[in-house]
Protein backbone atom coordinates (compact mmCIF):
# COMPACT_ATOMS: atom_id res chain seq x y z
CA MET A 1 9.49 100.14 107.56
CA ASN A 2 12.74 100.34 105.57
CA GLY A 3 14.17 96.97 104.63
CA ASP A 4 11.06 95.18 105.85
CA PRO A 5 11.11 91.62 104.39
CA HIS A 6 7.34 91.21 104.62
CA PRO A 7 5.56 94.63 104.68
CA GLU A 8 2.15 93.19 103.85
CA ALA A 9 2.11 91.22 107.11
CA TYR A 10 2.02 94.44 109.13
CA GLN A 11 -1.00 95.66 107.19
CA ILE A 12 -2.82 92.38 107.85
CA ARG A 13 -2.14 92.70 111.59
CA GLY A 14 -3.21 96.35 111.65
CA ILE A 15 0.31 97.60 112.47
CA PRO A 16 1.25 100.64 110.39
CA THR A 17 4.08 99.96 107.92
CA GLY A 18 6.32 102.33 109.92
CA GLY A 19 5.32 100.63 113.18
CA VAL A 20 7.47 98.93 115.75
CA LEU A 21 8.53 95.40 114.85
CA HIS A 22 8.08 94.16 118.43
CA GLN A 23 4.28 94.49 118.53
CA VAL A 24 2.91 90.94 118.43
CA THR A 25 -0.32 89.13 119.11
CA PRO A 26 -0.50 86.21 121.61
CA ARG A 27 2.33 83.71 121.08
CA SER A 28 0.06 80.70 120.71
CA ALA A 29 -1.08 82.05 117.34
CA PHE A 30 2.41 81.75 115.91
CA PHE A 31 3.30 78.13 116.43
CA VAL A 32 1.50 76.88 113.36
CA THR A 33 3.87 74.29 111.99
CA SER A 34 3.66 71.37 109.63
CA LYS A 35 6.27 68.63 109.97
CA GLU A 36 5.23 67.05 106.70
CA ALA A 37 5.91 70.22 104.69
CA SER A 38 8.71 71.55 107.00
CA ILE A 39 7.18 75.00 107.17
CA ARG A 40 6.74 77.44 110.04
CA THR A 41 4.98 80.73 110.63
CA CYS A 42 7.10 83.66 111.81
CA ASN A 43 5.86 85.27 115.03
CA LYS A 44 6.78 88.78 113.80
CA CYS A 45 5.68 89.00 110.17
CA LEU A 46 3.20 86.07 110.20
CA LYS A 47 4.58 84.70 106.93
CA THR A 48 4.58 80.96 106.41
CA LEU A 49 8.10 80.08 105.31
CA PRO A 50 10.30 77.00 104.83
CA GLU A 51 11.91 75.73 108.02
CA ASP A 52 15.41 76.68 106.82
CA SER A 53 14.31 80.36 106.96
CA PHE A 54 14.53 80.09 110.76
CA HIS A 55 17.69 79.84 112.89
CA LYS A 56 18.24 76.62 114.85
CA ARG A 57 17.69 76.58 118.60
CA ILE A 58 19.75 73.94 120.43
CA TYR A 59 18.88 73.21 124.04
CA LYS A 60 21.27 71.91 126.73
CA SER A 61 19.48 68.58 126.59
CA GLY A 62 20.50 68.26 122.93
CA THR A 63 17.01 68.88 121.57
CA VAL A 64 17.03 70.89 118.36
CA SER A 65 14.18 73.13 117.26
CA ARG A 66 13.81 76.37 115.30
CA GLN A 67 13.59 79.97 116.50
CA PRO A 68 10.03 81.41 116.33
CA THR A 69 11.21 84.46 114.32
CA CYS A 70 12.40 84.17 110.69
CA LYS A 71 15.96 85.14 109.71
CA ALA A 72 14.82 88.25 107.81
CA CYS A 73 12.93 89.62 110.83
CA LYS A 74 15.81 88.69 113.14
CA LYS A 75 18.13 90.72 110.93
CA ILE A 76 15.88 93.78 111.16
CA ILE A 77 15.57 93.42 114.94
CA GLY A 78 19.37 93.14 115.24
CA GLN A 79 19.85 96.26 113.10
CA GLN A 80 17.33 98.17 115.22
CA ARG A 81 19.04 97.12 118.46
CA TYR A 82 22.49 97.99 117.08
CA THR A 83 21.29 101.42 115.91
CA ALA A 84 19.67 102.11 119.28
CA LYS A 85 22.81 101.12 121.24
CA LYS A 86 25.56 101.77 118.68
CA ASP A 87 27.86 103.76 120.99
CA TYR A 88 27.54 101.18 123.75
CA VAL A 89 28.18 98.24 121.40
CA LEU A 90 31.27 99.94 119.96
CA TRP A 91 32.54 100.70 123.49
CA VAL A 92 32.03 97.08 124.63
CA ASN A 93 33.82 95.75 121.51
CA ARG A 94 36.73 98.18 122.00
CA GLU A 95 37.06 97.22 125.68
CA TRP A 96 37.05 93.51 124.81
CA ARG A 97 39.72 93.99 122.12
CA ASN A 98 41.93 95.95 124.51
CA ALA A 99 41.54 93.31 127.23
CA ASN A 100 42.13 90.36 124.85
CA LEU A 101 44.82 91.50 122.40
CA GLN A 102 46.44 88.07 121.99
CA LYS A 103 43.10 86.34 121.46
CA LYS A 104 42.02 89.01 118.92
CA ARG A 105 45.29 88.61 117.00
CA ALA A 106 44.82 84.82 116.89
CA ILE A 107 41.24 85.22 115.62
CA ASP A 108 42.38 87.71 112.95
CA LYS A 109 45.28 85.48 111.87
CA ALA A 110 42.98 82.45 111.53
CA TRP A 111 40.52 84.50 109.44
CA VAL A 112 43.30 85.74 107.11
CA GLU A 113 44.55 82.18 106.59
CA LYS A 114 41.01 81.00 105.81
CA ASN A 115 40.18 83.97 103.49
CA PRO A 116 43.39 85.12 101.77
CA ASN A 117 41.67 86.58 98.68
CA ILE A 118 39.10 88.54 100.70
CA ASN A 119 41.90 89.84 102.93
CA THR A 120 43.71 91.05 99.81
CA PHE A 121 40.51 92.80 98.70
CA TYR A 122 40.19 94.68 102.01
CA ARG A 123 43.88 95.66 102.01
CA ALA A 124 43.64 96.96 98.41
CA LEU A 125 40.44 98.85 99.23
CA GLN A 126 42.09 100.44 102.27
CA ARG A 127 45.11 101.54 100.17
CA ALA A 128 42.82 102.89 97.44
CA ARG A 129 40.74 104.90 99.92
CA LYS A 130 43.86 106.31 101.53
CA GLU A 131 45.07 107.50 98.10
CA ASN A 132 41.56 108.73 97.08
CA LEU A 133 41.36 106.20 94.24
CA VAL A 134 37.85 104.95 94.99
CA PRO A 135 35.47 107.12 92.92
CA LEU A 136 32.66 108.95 94.70
CA TRP A 137 30.08 107.23 92.49
CA THR A 138 31.15 103.77 93.68
CA THR A 139 28.18 102.01 95.25
CA GLU A 140 28.05 99.14 97.72
CA ALA A 141 27.04 96.87 94.81
CA ASP A 142 30.19 97.92 92.90
CA LEU A 143 32.33 97.04 95.92
CA GLN A 144 30.59 93.65 96.15
CA GLU A 145 31.43 92.98 92.49
CA ILE A 146 35.08 93.87 93.13
CA LYS A 147 35.05 91.61 96.21
CA GLU A 148 33.69 88.74 94.09
CA PHE A 149 36.44 89.39 91.53
CA TYR A 150 39.03 88.98 94.30
CA ARG A 151 37.21 85.95 95.76
CA ASN A 152 37.21 84.21 92.35
CA CYS A 153 40.92 84.76 91.74
CA PRO A 154 42.27 81.45 90.35
CA GLU A 155 44.87 79.51 92.31
CA GLY A 156 48.37 80.69 91.39
CA TYR A 157 47.22 84.12 90.17
CA GLN A 158 47.06 87.60 91.68
CA VAL A 159 44.67 90.50 91.14
CA ASP A 160 46.41 93.37 89.36
CA HIS A 161 45.36 96.91 88.46
CA ILE A 162 45.71 97.39 84.69
CA VAL A 163 46.42 101.09 85.20
CA PRO A 164 48.55 101.05 88.38
CA MET A 165 47.27 102.82 91.48
CA LYS A 166 50.75 104.23 92.10
CA GLY A 167 52.02 104.74 88.55
CA LYS A 168 54.68 107.38 87.87
CA THR A 169 52.80 109.13 85.05
CA VAL A 170 49.19 108.05 85.60
CA ARG A 171 47.14 106.61 88.48
CA GLY A 172 44.31 104.13 87.99
CA LEU A 173 41.13 103.92 90.00
CA HIS A 174 40.12 100.96 92.14
CA VAL A 175 37.19 99.89 89.91
CA LEU A 176 36.18 96.53 88.45
CA ASN A 177 37.13 97.30 84.83
CA ASN A 178 40.67 98.22 85.98
CA LEU A 179 41.34 94.75 87.44
CA GLN A 180 42.85 91.65 85.87
CA TYR A 181 44.36 88.32 86.92
CA LEU A 182 48.11 87.87 86.43
CA THR A 183 50.61 85.27 87.52
CA PRO A 184 52.93 86.48 90.30
CA TYR A 185 55.85 86.67 87.83
CA GLU A 186 53.85 88.81 85.38
CA ASN A 187 52.58 91.01 88.20
CA TYR A 188 56.04 91.66 89.67
CA THR A 189 57.52 92.24 86.20
CA LYS A 190 54.80 94.76 85.39
CA ALA A 191 55.16 96.53 88.76
CA ASN A 192 53.87 100.15 88.53
CA LYS A 193 54.26 100.40 84.75
CA LEU A 194 51.37 101.01 82.38
CA THR A 195 51.55 98.37 79.64
CA VAL A 196 49.58 98.93 76.48
């Protein structure tokens, strides 16, 4: 199974590696816990993991326990469900957005205020893609490195492209080694010029 966090568990249970994640043995076999060691056994992959590898389950009574499935298996199950119902999920999300425009705008505004550097990253990436300045060989890992560069931008600085994306004589790519931190004054003074 692609992305399987614990492939050996399926072989132990006799489930082929490409098998369905939802095949389980009786539930009573999975609740092997140890309060002293704070470990649990996942009911999908049968791995014994630390308790923080399981999501919390909070009941109406206020009782707190842990989900029986580990976070890694939950992620795979969620991806499988999304893939199986992708069109429906996208339709439901679109309908909700259209019915709740003001609420969606408030949520987006709050997120931008909380994550200004990440918002700048996404805006720059969108501009770069529109201008075809993201190279074809750029991987998801490269984009994560660029995102971290934006996230780590020091207070009072801005991320700048050394070779401008919209220069008059030359255009730079949106890649990590073309980024630098500048003060706002230096960035506005530089504008779309290539300084050597």
